[in-house]
PDB file of N, CA and C in Angstrom:
ATOM      1  N   MET A   1       1.001  -1.013  -0.131  1.00  0.00           N
ATOM      2  CA  MET A   1       0.001  -0.003   0.091  1.00  0.00           C
ATOM      3  C   MET A   1       1.029   1.183  -0.073  1.00  0.00           C
ATOM      4  N   THR A   2       0.680   2.304  -0.956  1.00  0.00           N
ATOM      5  CA  THR A   2       1.452   3.451  -0.937  1.00  0.00           C
ATOM      6  C   THR A   2       0.704   4.569   0.026  1.00  0.00           C
ATOM      7  N   GLU A   3       1.635   5.310   0.670  1.00  0.00           N
ATOM      8  CA  GLU A   3       1.409   6.149   1.441  1.00  0.00           C
ATOM      9  C   GLU A   3       1.027   7.730   0.626  1.00  0.00           C
ATOM     10  N   PRO A   4      -0.224   8.097   1.266  1.00  0.00           N
ATOM     11  CA  PRO A   4      -0.688   9.447   0.500  1.00  0.00           C
ATOM     12  C   PRO A   4       0.289  10.173   0.086  1.00  0.00           C
ATOM     13  N   ARG A   5       0.025  10.983  -0.884  1.00  0.00           N
ATOM     14  CA  ARG A   5       0.756  12.369  -1.290  1.00  0.00           C
ATOM     15  C   ARG A   5       0.607  13.298  -0.437  1.00  0.00           C
ATOM     16  N   LYS A   6       1.965  13.841   0.176  1.00  0.00           N
ATOM     17  CA  LYS A   6       1.496  15.190   0.615  1.00  0.00           C
ATOM     18  C   LYS A   6       1.354  16.207   0.060  1.00  0.00           C
ATOM     19  N   ARG A   7       0.549  17.207   0.818  1.00  0.00           N
ATOM     20  CA  ARG A   7       0.179  18.504   0.168  1.00  0.00           C
ATOM     21  C   ARG A   7       1.534  19.379   0.523  1.00  0.00           C
ATOM     22  N   LEU A   8       2.363  19.888  -0.241  1.00  0.00           N
ATOM     23  CA  LEU A   8       2.990  20.786   0.440  1.00  0.00           C
ATOM     24  C   LEU A   8       3.068  22.298   0.191  1.00  0.00           C
ATOM     25  N   ILE A   9       3.161  22.906   0.971  1.00  0.00           N
ATOM     26  CA  ILE A   9       2.962  24.367   0.720  1.00  0.00           C
ATOM     27  C   ILE A   9       4.192  25.344   1.450  1.00  0.00           C
ATOM     28  N   ASP A  10       4.201  26.285   1.103  1.00  0.00           N
ATOM     29  CA  ASP A  10       5.562  27.193   1.637  1.00  0.00           C
ATOM     30  C   ASP A  10       4.916  27.813   2.835  1.00  0.00           C
ATOM     31  N   ALA A  11       5.885  28.632   3.952  1.00  0.00           N
ATOM     32  CA  ALA A  11       5.449  29.242   5.056  1.00  0.00           C
ATOM     33  C   ALA A  11       4.531  30.258   5.176  1.00  0.00           C
ATOM     34  N   ALA A  12       4.660  31.315   4.056  1.00  0.00           N
ATOM     35  CA  ALA A  12       3.635  31.993   3.914  1.00  0.00           C
ATOM     36  C   ALA A  12       2.208  31.604   3.506  1.00  0.00           C
ATOM     37  N   ALA A  13       2.309  30.583   2.948  1.00  0.00           N
ATOM     38  CA  ALA A  13       0.868  30.110   2.360  1.00  0.00           C
ATOM     39  C   ALA A  13       0.508  29.455   3.645  1.00  0.00           C
ATOM     40  N   ALA A  14       1.201  29.002   4.186  1.00  0.00           N
ATOM     41  CA  ALA A  14       0.731  27.859   5.376  1.00  0.00           C
ATOM     42  C   ALA A  14      -0.026  29.084   6.586  1.00  0.00           C
ATOM     43  N   ALA A  15       0.950  30.276   6.450  1.00  0.00           N
ATOM     44  CA  ALA A  15       0.257  31.046   7.703  1.00  0.00           C
ATOM     45  C   ALA A  15      -1.060  31.830   7.081  1.00  0.00           C
ATOM     46  N   VAL A  16      -1.308  31.952   5.932  1.00  0.00           N
ATOM     47  CA  VAL A  16      -2.399  32.031   5.441  1.00  0.00           C
ATOM     48  C   VAL A  16      -3.488  31.201   5.707  1.00  0.00           C
ATOM     49  N   HIS A  17      -3.480  29.772   5.433  1.00  0.00           N
ATOM     50  CA  HIS A  17      -4.042  28.768   5.797  1.00  0.00           C
ATOM     51  C   HIS A  17      -4.768  28.688   7.215  1.00  0.00           C
ATOM     52  N   ILE A  18      -3.899  28.694   8.177  1.00  0.00           N
ATOM     53  CA  ILE A  18      -3.918  28.840   9.472  1.00  0.00           C
ATOM     54  C   ILE A  18      -4.774  30.005   9.867  1.00  0.00           C
ATOM     55  N   LYS A  19      -4.777  31.014   9.202  1.00  0.00           N
ATOM     56  CA  LYS A  19      -5.533  32.267   9.280  1.00  0.00           C
ATOM     57  C   LYS A  19      -6.999  32.067   8.850  1.00  0.00           C
ATOM     58  N   ASP A  20      -7.086  31.453   7.584  1.00  0.00           N
ATOM     59  CA  ASP A  20      -8.693  31.425   7.389  1.00  0.00           C
ATOM     60  C   ASP A  20      -9.098  30.342   7.931  1.00  0.00           C
ATOM     61  N   ALA A  21      -8.430  29.050   8.388  1.00  0.00           N
ATOM     62  CA  ALA A  21      -8.882  27.767   8.816  1.00  0.00           C
ATOM     63  C   ALA A  21      -9.302  28.079  10.209  1.00  0.00           C
ATOM     64  N   TYR A  22      -8.508  28.616  11.092  1.00  0.00           N
ATOM     65  CA  TYR A  22      -8.360  28.477  12.898  1.00  0.00           C
ATOM     66  C   TYR A  22      -8.541  29.963  13.025  1.00  0.00           C
ATOM     67  N   LYS A  23      -8.637  31.114  12.238  1.00  0.00           N
ATOM     68  CA  LYS A  23      -8.768  32.344  12.590  1.00  0.00           C
ATOM     69  C   LYS A  23      -7.701  32.875  13.857  1.00  0.00           C
ATOM     70  N   MET A  24      -6.425  32.427  13.207  1.00  0.00           N
ATOM     71  CA  MET A  24      -5.501  32.693  13.954  1.00  0.00           C
ATOM     72  C   MET A  24      -4.192  33.225  13.240  1.00  0.00           C
ATOM     73  N   ALA A  25      -3.791  34.281  13.979  1.00  0.00           N
ATOM     74  CA  ALA A  25      -2.517  34.744  13.063  1.00  0.00           C
ATOM     75  C   ALA A  25      -1.497  34.471  13.605  1.00  0.00           C
ATOM     76  N   VAL A  26      -0.491  33.880  12.547  1.00  0.00           N
ATOM     77  CA  VAL A  26       0.874  33.127  12.806  1.00  0.00           C
ATOM     78  C   VAL A  26       1.572  33.617  11.574  1.00  0.00           C
ATOM     79  N   ALA A  27       2.983  34.030  12.018  1.00  0.00           N
ATOM     80  CA  ALA A  27       3.725  34.430  10.991  1.00  0.00           C
ATOM     81  C   ALA A  27       4.560  33.082  10.222  1.00  0.00           C
ATOM     82  N   PRO A  28       5.114  33.491   8.971  1.00  0.00           N
ATOM     83  CA  PRO A  28       5.588  32.440   8.245  1.00  0.00           C
ATOM     84  C   PRO A  28       6.955  32.022   9.359  1.00  0.00           C
ATOM     85  N   ALA A  29       7.597  33.045   9.913  1.00  0.00           N
ATOM     86  CA  ALA A  29       8.626  32.766  10.817  1.00  0.00           C
ATOM     87  C   ALA A  29       8.562  31.690  11.885  1.00  0.00           C
ATOM     88  N   THR A  30       6.898  31.748  12.311  1.00  0.00           N
ATOM     89  CA  THR A  30       6.826  30.732  13.363  1.00  0.00           C
ATOM     90  C   THR A  30       6.506  29.399  13.004  1.00  0.00           C
ATOM     91  N   ILE A  31       6.082  29.571  11.741  1.00  0.00           N
ATOM     92  CA  ILE A  31       6.034  27.967  11.068  1.00  0.00           C
ATOM     93  C   ILE A  31       7.461  27.500  10.883  1.00  0.00           C
ATOM     94  N   ARG A  32       8.184  28.389  10.318  1.00  0.00           N
ATOM     95  CA  ARG A  32       9.819  28.116  10.063  1.00  0.00           C
ATOM     96  C   ARG A  32      10.262  27.132  11.417  1.00  0.00           C
ATOM     97  N   SER A  33       9.853  28.202  12.389  1.00  0.00           N
ATOM     98  CA  SER A  33      10.408  27.995  13.918  1.00  0.00           C
ATOM     99  C   SER A  33       9.770  26.540  14.315  1.00  0.00           C
ATOM    100  N   TRP A  34       8.570  26.215  14.110  1.00  0.00           N
ATOM    101  CA  TRP A  34       7.903  24.842  14.600  1.00  0.00           C
ATOM    102  C   TRP A  34       8.565  23.596  13.912  1.00  0.00           C
ATOM    103  N   ALA A  35       9.062  23.915  12.724  1.00  0.00           N
ATOM    104  CA  ALA A  35      10.040  22.909  11.785  1.00  0.00           C
ATOM    105  C   ALA A  35      11.416  22.739  12.496  1.00  0.00           C
ATOM    106  N   ARG A  36      12.051  23.958  13.047  1.00  0.00           N
ATOM    107  CA  ARG A  36      13.466  23.789  13.651  1.00  0.00           C
ATOM    108  C   ARG A  36      13.093  23.059  14.862  1.00  0.00           C
ATOM    109  N   ARG A  37      12.111  23.223  15.192  1.00  0.00           N
ATOM    110  CA  ARG A  37      12.034  22.625  16.720  1.00  0.00           C
ATOM    111  C   ARG A  37      11.307  21.255  16.739  1.00  0.00           C
ATOM    112  N   GLY A  38      11.422  20.616  15.486  1.00  0.00           N
ATOM    113  CA  GLY A  38      10.699  19.405  15.385  1.00  0.00           C
ATOM    114  C   GLY A  38       9.218  18.959  15.675  1.00  0.00           C
ATOM    115  N   ARG A  39       8.477  20.270  15.539  1.00  0.00           N
ATOM    116  CA  ARG A  39       6.928  20.091  15.725  1.00  0.00           C
ATOM    117  C   ARG A  39       6.422  19.368  14.543  1.00  0.00           C
ATOM    118  N   ILE A  40       6.666  20.372  13.481  1.00  0.00           N
ATOM    119  CA  ILE A  40       6.722  19.723  11.844  1.00  0.00           C
ATOM    120  C   ILE A  40       7.554  19.409  11.224  1.00  0.00           C
ATOM    121  N   SER A  41       7.479  18.722  10.127  1.00  0.00           N
ATOM    122  CA  SER A  41       8.641  18.272   9.069  1.00  0.00           C
ATOM    123  C   SER A  41       8.974  19.483   7.989  1.00  0.00           C
ATOM    124  N   ASN A  42       9.989  19.531   7.478  1.00  0.00           N
ATOM    125  CA  ASN A  42      10.322  20.630   6.743  1.00  0.00           C
ATOM    126  C   ASN A  42      11.051  19.828   5.436  1.00  0.00           C
ATOM    127  N   TYR A  43      10.288  19.828   4.276  1.00  0.00           N
ATOM    128  CA  TYR A  43      10.476  19.525   2.855  1.00  0.00           C
ATOM    129  C   TYR A  43      11.229  20.119   2.123  1.00  0.00           C
ATOM    130  N   GLY A  44      12.264  19.917   1.473  1.00  0.00           N
ATOM    131  CA  GLY A  44      12.896  20.765   0.226  1.00  0.00           C
ATOM    132  C   GLY A  44      13.477  22.035   0.600  1.00  0.00           C
ATOM    133  N   ALA A  45      14.274  21.914   1.407  1.00  0.00           N
ATOM    134  CA  ALA A  45      15.032  23.246   1.994  1.00  0.00           C
ATOM    135  C   ALA A  45      16.139  23.246   0.722  1.00  0.00           C
ATOM    136  N   GLY A  46      16.657  24.578   0.649  1.00  0.00           N
ATOM    137  CA  GLY A  46      17.656  24.917  -0.119  1.00  0.00           C
ATOM    138  C   GLY A  46      17.079  25.952  -0.941  1.00  0.00           C
ATOM    139  N   ARG A  47      17.680  26.002  -2.442  1.00  0.00           N
ATOM    140  CA  ARG A  47      17.010  26.781  -3.553  1.00  0.00           C
ATOM    141  C   ARG A  47      15.821  26.780  -3.368  1.00  0.00           C
ATOM    142  N   ALA A  48      15.031  25.627  -3.447  1.00  0.00           N
ATOM    143  CA  ALA A  48      13.535  25.690  -3.536  1.00  0.00           C
ATOM    144  C   ALA A  48      12.722  26.101  -2.560  1.00  0.00           C
ATOM    145  N   GLY A  49      13.383  26.440  -1.209  1.00  0.00           N
ATOM    146  CA  GLY A  49      12.790  27.024  -0.388  1.00  0.00           C
ATOM    147  C   GLY A  49      12.101  25.835   0.495  1.00  0.00           C
ATOM    148  N   ALA A  50      11.724  26.182   1.875  1.00  0.00           N
ATOM    149  CA  ALA A  50      10.678  25.337   2.648  1.00  0.00           C
ATOM    150  C   ALA A  50       9.600  25.002   2.196  1.00  0.00           C
ATOM    151  N   HIS A  51       9.356  23.792   2.433  1.00  0.00           N
ATOM    152  CA  HIS A  51       7.660  23.496   2.232  1.00  0.00           C
ATOM    153  C   HIS A  51       7.276  22.632   3.488  1.00  0.00           C
ATOM    154  N   PHE A  52       6.071  22.458   3.813  1.00  0.00           N
ATOM    155  CA  PHE A  52       5.635  21.765   4.608  1.00  0.00           C
ATOM    156  C   PHE A  52       4.224  21.326   4.333  1.00  0.00           C
ATOM    157  N   ASP A  53       4.049  19.962   5.113  1.00  0.00           N
ATOM    158  CA  ASP A  53       3.014  19.392   5.028  1.00  0.00           C
ATOM    159  C   ASP A  53       1.482  19.729   5.543  1.00  0.00           C
ATOM    160  N   LEU A  54       0.524  20.492   4.607  1.00  0.00           N
ATOM    161  CA  LEU A  54      -0.931  20.721   4.961  1.00  0.00           C
ATOM    162  C   LEU A  54      -1.359  20.105   6.316  1.00  0.00           C
ATOM    163  N   ASP A  55      -1.538  18.930   5.844  1.00  0.00           N
ATOM    164  CA  ASP A  55      -1.985  17.926   6.976  1.00  0.00           C
ATOM    165  C   ASP A  55      -1.251  17.873   8.229  1.00  0.00           C
ATOM    166  N   GLU A  56       0.056  18.135   8.142  1.00  0.00           N
ATOM    167  CA  GLU A  56       0.833  18.091   9.527  1.00  0.00           C
ATOM    168  C   GLU A  56       0.546  19.173  10.405  1.00  0.00           C
ATOM    169  N   ILE A  57       0.661  20.354   9.413  1.00  0.00           N
ATOM    170  CA  ILE A  57       0.295  21.705  10.025  1.00  0.00           C
ATOM    171  C   ILE A  57      -1.132  21.601  10.798  1.00  0.00           C
ATOM    172  N   ASP A  58      -1.963  21.160   9.962  1.00  0.00           N
ATOM    173  CA  ASP A  58      -3.581  20.965  10.397  1.00  0.00           C
ATOM    174  C   ASP A  58      -3.604  20.583  12.040  1.00  0.00           C
ATOM    175  N   ALA A  59      -2.724  19.034  12.071  1.00  0.00           N
ATOM    176  CA  ALA A  59      -2.875  18.082  13.118  1.00  0.00           C
ATOM    177  C   ALA A  59      -2.010  18.987  14.151  1.00  0.00           C
ATOM    178  N   TYR A  60      -1.048  19.694  13.745  1.00  0.00           N
ATOM    179  CA  TYR A  60      -0.417  20.347  15.070  1.00  0.00           C
ATOM    180  C   TYR A  60      -1.101  21.713  15.452  1.00  0.00           C
ATOM    181  N   VAL A  61      -1.646  22.293  14.760  1.00  0.00           N
ATOM    182  CA  VAL A  61      -2.432  23.430  15.090  1.00  0.00           C
ATOM    183  C   VAL A  61      -3.424  22.877  16.069  1.00  0.00           C
ATOM    184  N   ARG A  62      -4.226  22.016  15.521  1.00  0.00           N
ATOM    185  CA  ARG A  62      -5.529  21.449  16.279  1.00  0.00           C
ATOM    186  C   ARG A  62      -5.191  20.816  17.614  1.00  0.00           C
ATOM    187  N   LYS A  63      -4.038  20.142  17.906  1.00  0.00           N
ATOM    188  CA  LYS A  63      -3.451  19.592  19.160  1.00  0.00           C
ATOM    189  C   LYS A  63      -2.760  20.805  20.069  1.00  0.00           C
ATOM    190  N   ARG A  64      -2.433  21.858  19.542  1.00  0.00           N
ATOM    191  CA  ARG A  64      -2.258  22.932  20.147  1.00  0.00           C
ATOM    192  C   ARG A  64      -3.548  23.813  20.974  1.00  0.00           C
ATOM    193  N   LEU A  65      -4.399  23.733  20.045  1.00  0.00           N
ATOM    194  CA  LEU A  65      -5.878  24.251  20.066  1.00  0.00           C
ATOM    195  C   LEU A  65      -6.496  23.519  21.585  1.00  0.00           C
ATOM    196  N   GLY A  66      -6.434  22.377  20.997  1.00  0.00           N
ATOM    197  CA  GLY A  66      -6.996  21.500  21.982  1.00  0.00           C
ATOM    198  C   GLY A  66      -6.256  21.406  23.381  1.00  0.00           C
ATOM    199  N   ARG A  67      -5.134  21.618  23.819  1.00  0.00           N
ATOM    200  CA  ARG A  67      -4.339  21.926  24.974  1.00  0.00           C
ATOM    201  C   ARG A  67      -4.606  23.052  25.583  1.00  0.00           C
ATOM    202  N   GLY A  68      -5.044  24.164  24.876  1.00  0.00           N
ATOM    203  CA  GLY A  68      -5.436  25.201  25.322  1.00  0.00           C
ATOM    204  C   GLY A  68      -4.136  26.128  25.237  1.00  0.00           C
ATOM    205  N   ASP A  69      -2.951  26.036  24.650  1.00  0.00           N
ATOM    206  CA  ASP A  69      -1.778  26.801  24.077  1.00  0.00           C
ATOM    207  C   ASP A  69      -2.189  28.165  23.578  1.00  0.00           C
ATOM    208  N   VAL A  70      -2.967  28.033  22.514  1.00  0.00           N
ATOM    209  CA  VAL A  70      -3.347  29.150  21.893  1.00  0.00           C
ATOM    210  C   VAL A  70      -5.010  29.118  21.750  1.00  0.00           C
ATOM    211  N   ALA A  71      -5.315  30.457  21.721  1.00  0.00           N
ATOM    212  CA  ALA A  71      -6.806  30.538  21.611  1.00  0.00           C
ATOM    213  C   ALA A  71      -7.295  31.211  20.086  1.00  0.00           C
ATOM    214  N   PRO A  72      -8.107  30.554  19.253  1.00  0.00           N
ATOM    215  CA  PRO A  72      -8.560  30.882  18.273  1.00  0.00           C
ATOM    216  C   PRO A  72      -9.054  32.391  18.161  1.00  0.00           C
ATOM    217  N   GLY A  73      -8.802  33.251  17.220  1.00  0.00           N
ATOM    218  CA  GLY A  73      -9.351  34.369  16.953  1.00  0.00           C
ATOM    219  C   GLY A  73      -8.366  35.383  17.810  1.00  0.00           C
ATOM    220  N   SER A  74      -7.194  35.120  18.037  1.00  0.00           N
ATOM    221  CA  SER A  74      -6.874  35.727  19.304  1.00  0.00           C
ATOM    222  C   SER A  74      -5.707  36.859  18.491  1.00  0.00           C
ATOM    223  N   ASP A  75      -5.950  37.176  17.630  1.00  0.00           N
ATOM    224  CA  ASP A  75      -4.899  37.939  16.498  1.00  0.00           C
ATOM    225  C   ASP A  75      -5.300  39.639  16.638  1.00  0.00           C
TER     226      ASP A  75
END
């Protein structure tokens, strides 16, 4: 069985997605920081730029919301 294809987006697009989906303001630098800290995976660094799996970002944000680490709409 093959692994589902990842939906990769850059940090700026991920920030827009989080704002639209969760009503949270997150800077692209924050998303890159999550990757540096091992919270989410980083794909394709280098000349092509870093890209992140949209499903992994959603899971991480939902986990943080569930723990009460962040509040939706607190921008």
